[in-house]
Amino acid sequence: MEFKHTSVLLAETIDQLHIRPDGIYLDGTLGGGGHAYHVAEKLNEKGRLIGIDQDEAAIAAAGERLAPFGDRVTIVRNNYCNAGKALDDLGIRKVDGIVLDLGVSSYQLDTVERGFSYKYDTALDMRMDRRQSLTARDIVNGYSEMELFRIIRDYGEDQFAKNIAKHIVRVRSEKPIETTGELNEVIKAAIPAKMRASGGHPSKRTFQAIRIECNRELDVLKNSLDMMIDLLNPGGRLCIITFHSLEDRIVKSSFKKNESPCTCPSDFPVCVCGKISKGKVITRKPILPGEEELAGNKRSKSAKLRVFEKA
């Protein structure tokens, strides 16, 4: 299947990056190379773009798409949490801008055998990096009821998390839950019929929760943001596109902490903690997709762009 993914908030992100033709830029979630292409075409022969992704299909698609830029572009198969090491290996210490487009790509959702979507009946997988051993099947069949409840409640924000976890454990005690279709049926049975009639697909939140757990998405984000800001040259910008409130909350609070890290009590006349601001938050409120984008790409509905500028 061809790697198709419509880059969300594309013009806004490119605009916010303030691209210098001779600068070095990092796309930590390369995907099909949508944002990266538009960064690379603004660079001259001294400029450089490093693209990182952990999905082999994304790497292949982006390689093809970015081929016209030759050695101006370097692609690395890795997770963006290892960006510092990946750049170090290339002899790069600092960059002038970073893009992170979080979440799952349209390609991953629409490739049936990847098992990301509740719309198709296939094996439970959900790995963004297929080199890792943990799959969605392992989580559904191996986690305790309490662990399942916690991830569905925290990562799926589903009010029926307790009941869904209970149903999963009961059904799997008879035989393992192997497919997305089987998991759909279990979730459906755990949610009252009148609630299923409204509020979107009953499996949406649980599938999101399992995917986040399988790929450690929130841990990776939390543990990477300070490092990403440290990788920027003065005036460099970090642009992050999130797709749900959990990611957005992490980004918002990290940006705020990096802008105002002082931990001194408010009644202290001067700062004694010694923590210095790393820069400023450019987006007091996140940038949202415009009407035209919303009409053309329904997956952009929940997207938010936040921007931080290094001092």
Protein backbone atom coordinates (compact mmCIF):
# COMPACT_ATOMS: atom_id res chain seq x y z
CA MET A 1 0.00 0.00 0.00
CA GLU A 2 1.22 3.50 -0.87
CA PHE A 3 2.18 5.64 2.14
CA LYS A 4 -0.52 8.31 2.17
CA HIS A 5 -0.68 10.95 4.86
CA THR A 6 -1.97 14.49 4.69
CA SER A 7 0.27 16.76 6.76
CA VAL A 8 -1.85 18.68 9.24
CA LEU A 9 -1.27 22.41 9.93
CA LEU A 10 1.41 22.33 7.23
CA ALA A 11 1.51 26.02 6.21
CA GLU A 12 1.25 27.15 9.83
CA THR A 13 4.14 24.90 10.94
CA ILE A 14 6.44 25.95 8.10
CA ASP A 15 5.63 29.59 8.83
CA GLN A 16 6.35 29.22 12.55
CA LEU A 17 9.71 27.49 11.96
CA HIS A 18 11.22 30.72 10.54
CA ILE A 19 13.39 28.63 8.21
CA ARG A 20 16.88 29.93 7.40
CA PRO A 21 18.10 28.66 4.01
CA ASP A 22 21.47 27.62 5.50
CA GLY A 23 20.04 26.21 8.75
CA ILE A 24 19.87 22.67 10.11
CA TYR A 25 16.38 21.28 10.81
CA LEU A 26 15.10 18.13 12.44
CA ASP A 27 11.82 16.37 11.71
CA GLY A 28 11.48 13.90 14.57
CA THR A 29 8.35 12.21 13.20
CA LEU A 30 9.17 12.05 9.51
CA GLY A 31 6.16 9.99 8.36
CA GLY A 32 5.75 10.27 4.59
CA GLY A 33 7.94 13.38 4.53
CA GLY A 34 5.15 15.97 4.19
CA HIS A 35 6.47 18.63 6.55
CA ALA A 36 10.06 17.65 5.73
CA TYR A 37 9.59 18.25 1.99
CA HIS A 38 8.44 21.81 2.58
CA VAL A 39 11.34 22.46 4.95
CA ALA A 40 13.90 20.97 2.53
CA GLU A 41 12.70 23.05 -0.43
CA LYS A 42 13.46 26.22 1.53
CA LEU A 43 17.08 25.19 2.19
CA ASN A 44 20.10 26.09 0.05
CA GLU A 45 23.14 23.85 -0.51
CA LYS A 46 24.45 24.74 2.96
CA GLY A 47 21.17 23.83 4.68
CA ARG A 48 20.41 20.40 6.08
CA LEU A 49 17.39 18.37 7.12
CA ILE A 50 17.53 15.31 9.39
CA GLY A 51 14.43 13.12 9.38
CA ILE A 52 13.76 10.52 12.08
CA ASP A 53 11.06 7.84 12.10
CA GLN A 54 10.74 4.38 13.62
CA ASP A 55 8.34 2.96 10.99
CA GLU A 56 10.06 1.19 8.10
CA ALA A 57 7.19 2.03 5.70
CA ALA A 58 7.52 5.73 6.54
CA ILE A 59 11.29 5.61 6.00
CA ALA A 60 10.83 4.06 2.54
CA ALA A 61 8.13 6.55 1.51
CA ALA A 62 9.99 9.59 2.83
CA GLY A 63 13.22 8.45 1.19
CA GLU A 64 11.48 8.42 -2.18
CA ARG A 65 9.71 11.74 -1.63
CA LEU A 66 12.83 13.55 -0.42
CA ALA A 67 15.22 12.00 -2.98
CA PRO A 68 15.28 15.18 -5.17
CA PHE A 69 17.08 17.04 -2.35
CA GLY A 70 20.04 14.64 -2.43
CA ASP A 71 22.47 14.81 0.46
CA ARG A 72 20.78 17.88 1.90
CA VAL A 73 18.50 15.31 3.59
CA THR A 74 19.57 12.53 5.96
CA ILE A 75 17.04 9.93 7.16
CA VAL A 76 17.53 7.89 10.34
CA ARG A 77 15.40 4.99 11.54
CA ASN A 78 14.96 5.64 15.25
CA ASN A 79 12.59 7.06 17.84
CA TYR A 80 12.71 10.83 18.33
CA CYS A 81 13.53 10.28 22.01
CA ASN A 82 17.00 9.29 20.76
CA ALA A 83 17.37 12.43 18.59
CA GLY A 84 20.33 13.76 20.60
CA LYS A 85 22.36 10.61 20.00
CA ALA A 86 21.24 10.37 16.35
CA LEU A 87 22.42 13.95 15.70
CA ASP A 88 25.63 13.36 17.61
CA ASP A 89 26.38 10.37 15.36
CA LEU A 90 26.05 12.74 12.38
CA GLY A 91 28.40 15.27 13.97
CA ILE A 92 25.58 17.74 14.67
CA ARG A 93 25.35 19.40 18.08
CA LYS A 94 22.56 21.95 17.59
CA VAL A 95 19.74 22.59 15.13
CA ASP A 96 17.75 25.67 14.08
CA GLY A 97 14.30 24.13 14.27
CA ILE A 98 12.46 20.93 15.16
CA VAL A 99 9.07 19.57 14.06
CA LEU A 100 7.14 16.85 15.88
CA ASP A 101 3.83 15.74 14.34
CA LEU A 102 2.58 13.32 16.99
CA GLY A 103 0.11 10.47 16.86
CA VAL A 104 -0.59 7.85 14.25
CA SER A 105 -0.40 8.48 10.49
CA SER A 106 -3.26 7.95 8.04
CA TYR A 107 -1.14 5.25 6.43
CA GLN A 108 -0.78 3.35 9.70
CA LEU A 109 -4.52 3.62 10.41
CA ASP A 110 -5.48 2.54 6.90
CA THR A 111 -3.02 -0.36 6.51
CA VAL A 112 -5.27 -3.16 7.70
CA GLU A 113 -2.60 -5.58 8.94
CA ARG A 114 -1.01 -2.97 11.23
CA GLY A 115 -4.02 -3.40 13.55
CA PHE A 116 -4.29 0.28 14.55
CA SER A 117 -7.90 0.76 13.53
CA TYR A 118 -11.14 -0.57 14.97
CA LYS A 119 -12.64 -0.29 11.47
CA TYR A 120 -10.97 -3.44 10.11
CA ASP A 121 -10.87 -6.94 11.53
CA THR A 122 -7.25 -8.03 11.73
CA ALA A 123 -4.59 -9.25 14.18
CA LEU A 124 -4.03 -6.99 17.21
CA ASP A 125 -0.67 -5.33 16.59
CA MET A 126 -0.42 -1.49 16.82
CA ARG A 127 3.41 -1.33 16.86
CA MET A 128 4.81 1.80 15.23
CA ASP A 129 8.22 0.12 15.19
CA ARG A 130 7.76 -3.49 14.18
CA ARG A 131 11.17 -4.36 15.59
CA GLN A 132 9.76 -4.13 19.11
CA SER A 133 8.30 -7.29 20.63
CA LEU A 134 5.37 -5.88 22.67
CA THR A 135 2.10 -5.82 20.67
CA ALA A 136 -1.48 -4.79 21.41
CA ARG A 137 -2.32 -8.50 21.68
CA ASP A 138 0.19 -8.86 24.54
CA ILE A 139 -1.37 -5.93 26.38
CA VAL A 140 -4.98 -7.10 25.92
CA ASN A 141 -4.19 -10.67 27.00
CA GLY A 142 -1.36 -10.11 29.46
CA TYR A 143 -2.09 -6.99 31.52
CA SER A 144 -3.96 -7.36 34.79
CA GLU A 145 -7.50 -5.99 35.09
CA MET A 146 -6.15 -3.10 37.18
CA GLU A 147 -3.50 -2.23 34.57
CA LEU A 148 -6.04 -2.36 31.75
CA PHE A 149 -8.42 -0.16 33.75
CA ARG A 150 -5.63 2.36 34.38
CA ILE A 151 -4.55 2.70 30.73
CA ILE A 152 -8.13 2.86 29.37
CA ARG A 153 -9.03 5.46 32.00
CA ASP A 154 -5.84 7.54 31.71
CA TYR A 155 -4.94 7.21 28.03
CA GLY A 156 -8.42 6.70 26.59
CA GLU A 157 -10.26 8.93 29.07
CA ASP A 158 -13.16 6.49 28.80
CA GLN A 159 -15.83 6.66 31.49
CA PHE A 160 -16.50 2.92 31.06
CA ALA A 161 -12.84 1.95 31.58
CA LYS A 162 -13.59 -0.23 34.63
CA ASN A 163 -16.28 -2.19 32.85
CA ILE A 164 -14.26 -2.58 29.64
CA ALA A 165 -11.26 -3.93 31.61
CA LYS A 166 -13.54 -6.36 33.47
CA HIS A 167 -15.09 -7.63 30.20
CA ILE A 168 -11.66 -8.09 28.56
CA VAL A 169 -10.41 -10.18 31.50
CA ARG A 170 -13.59 -12.29 31.56
CA VAL A 171 -13.57 -13.03 27.82
CA ARG A 172 -9.83 -13.80 27.62
CA SER A 173 -10.11 -16.29 30.51
CA GLU A 174 -12.00 -18.54 28.07
CA LYS A 175 -9.78 -17.89 25.06
CA PRO A 176 -7.23 -15.22 24.05
CA ILE A 177 -8.52 -12.10 22.27
CA GLU A 178 -6.63 -12.24 18.96
CA THR A 179 -8.17 -9.68 16.61
CA THR A 180 -9.41 -6.10 16.48
CA GLY A 181 -12.87 -7.45 15.64
CA GLU A 182 -12.95 -9.64 18.76
CA LEU A 183 -11.82 -6.69 20.90
CA ASN A 184 -14.54 -4.51 19.32
CA GLU A 185 -17.19 -7.02 20.40
CA VAL A 186 -15.88 -7.10 23.98
CA ILE A 187 -15.87 -3.30 24.22
CA LYS A 188 -19.36 -3.08 22.71
CA ALA A 189 -20.69 -5.49 25.33
CA ALA A 190 -19.15 -3.38 28.12
CA ILE A 191 -20.84 -0.11 27.11
CA PRO A 192 -24.58 0.51 27.68
CA ALA A 193 -26.57 0.49 24.41
CA LYS A 194 -27.89 4.03 24.84
CA MET A 195 -24.34 5.34 25.25
CA ARG A 196 -23.19 3.44 22.14
CA ALA A 197 -25.82 5.27 20.10
CA SER A 198 -24.11 8.61 20.66
CA GLY A 199 -20.54 9.81 21.09
CA GLY A 200 -18.74 8.13 18.19
CA HIS A 201 -17.43 4.58 17.86
CA PRO A 202 -17.41 2.74 21.22
CA SER A 203 -13.91 1.33 20.60
CA LYS A 204 -12.21 4.61 19.70
CA ARG A 205 -10.96 5.51 23.20
CA THR A 206 -9.84 1.99 24.17
CA PHE A 207 -7.94 1.52 20.90
CA GLN A 208 -6.23 4.89 21.44
CA ALA A 209 -5.28 3.86 24.99
CA ILE A 210 -3.81 0.51 23.93
CA ARG A 211 -1.88 2.14 21.07
CA ILE A 212 -0.39 4.77 23.40
CA GLU A 213 0.63 2.08 25.90
CA CYS A 214 2.06 -0.21 23.22
CA ASN A 215 4.27 2.55 21.79
CA ARG A 216 4.93 4.36 25.12
CA GLU A 217 3.84 7.53 23.32
CA LEU A 218 3.28 9.77 26.35
CA ASP A 219 6.42 8.59 28.20
CA VAL A 220 8.51 9.23 25.09
CA LEU A 221 7.02 12.71 24.71
CA LYS A 222 7.45 13.62 28.38
CA ASN A 223 11.05 12.41 28.46
CA SER A 224 12.06 14.15 25.21
CA LEU A 225 10.83 17.73 25.44
CA ASP A 226 13.61 19.22 27.60
CA MET A 227 16.21 17.51 25.40
CA MET A 228 14.54 18.87 22.24
CA ILE A 229 14.70 22.44 23.59
CA ASP A 230 18.36 21.91 24.56
CA LEU A 231 19.15 20.84 20.98
CA LEU A 232 18.07 24.22 19.58
CA ASN A 233 20.37 27.08 18.67
CA PRO A 234 19.39 30.50 20.08
CA GLY A 235 16.31 31.69 18.18
CA GLY A 236 15.56 28.12 17.05
CA ARG A 237 11.98 26.93 17.29
CA LEU A 238 10.31 23.69 18.41
CA CYS A 239 6.93 23.17 16.69
CA ILE A 240 4.75 20.37 18.06
CA ILE A 241 1.43 19.17 16.65
CA THR A 242 -0.70 17.15 19.09
CA PHE A 243 -3.93 15.24 18.46
CA HIS A 244 -5.44 14.72 21.89
CA SER A 245 -5.67 16.50 25.23
CA LEU A 246 -3.14 14.21 26.97
CA GLU A 247 -0.34 15.10 24.53
CA ASP A 248 -1.33 18.76 24.45
CA ARG A 249 -1.27 19.01 28.25
CA ILE A 250 2.27 17.55 28.39
CA VAL A 251 3.54 19.97 25.72
CA LYS A 252 1.82 22.99 27.25
CA SER A 253 3.18 22.34 30.76
CA SER A 254 6.71 21.54 29.50
CA PHE A 255 6.85 24.76 27.46
CA LYS A 256 5.62 26.74 30.47
CA LYS A 257 8.20 25.13 32.77
CA ASN A 258 11.03 25.81 30.31
CA GLU A 259 9.94 29.44 29.98
CA SER A 260 9.51 30.01 33.75
CA PRO A 261 11.50 27.35 35.63
CA CYS A 262 11.94 29.36 38.86
CA THR A 263 10.77 27.36 41.90
CA CYS A 264 11.26 30.13 44.50
CA PRO A 265 8.26 31.05 46.67
CA SER A 266 6.35 34.00 45.21
CA ASP A 267 7.16 36.23 48.20
CA PHE A 268 10.95 35.94 47.68
CA PRO A 269 12.33 39.33 46.58
CA VAL A 270 14.94 37.71 44.29
CA CYS A 271 15.37 34.29 42.67
CA VAL A 272 17.73 32.00 44.60
CA CYS A 273 16.94 28.66 42.92
CA GLY A 274 19.22 29.55 40.01
CA LYS A 275 16.94 28.07 37.35
CA ILE A 276 17.17 30.10 34.16
CA SER A 277 14.53 30.40 31.44
CA LYS A 278 15.40 28.50 28.26
CA GLY A 279 13.24 30.68 26.03
CA LYS A 280 9.68 31.75 25.42
CA VAL A 281 6.36 30.22 24.48
CA ILE A 282 5.29 31.72 21.14
CA THR A 283 1.76 30.29 21.20
CA ARG A 284 -0.15 31.40 24.30
CA LYS A 285 -3.09 29.63 22.71
CA PRO A 286 -2.48 26.75 20.30
CA ILE A 287 -2.79 27.29 16.55
CA LEU A 288 -5.77 25.33 15.18
CA PRO A 289 -6.63 24.19 11.64
CA GLY A 290 -8.63 26.64 9.53
CA GLU A 291 -12.06 25.95 8.05
CA GLU A 292 -10.63 24.90 4.70
CA GLU A 293 -8.33 22.30 6.25
CA LEU A 294 -11.10 20.99 8.50
CA ALA A 295 -13.38 20.57 5.48
CA GLY A 296 -10.68 18.77 3.46
CA ASN A 297 -9.20 16.53 6.17
CA LYS A 298 -11.45 15.31 8.97
CA ARG A 299 -8.45 13.89 10.85
CA SER A 300 -7.20 17.44 11.45
CA LYS A 301 -10.17 18.17 13.73
CA SER A 302 -8.34 17.66 17.03
CA ALA A 303 -4.92 19.00 15.92
CA LYS A 304 -3.17 21.75 17.90
CA LEU A 305 0.18 23.39 17.16
CA ARG A 306 2.31 24.84 19.97
CA VAL A 307 5.62 26.65 19.43
CA PHE A 308 8.60 27.35 21.73
CA GLU A 309 11.54 29.60 20.85
CA LYS A 310 14.98 29.07 22.38
CA ALA A 311 16.58 32.05 24.08
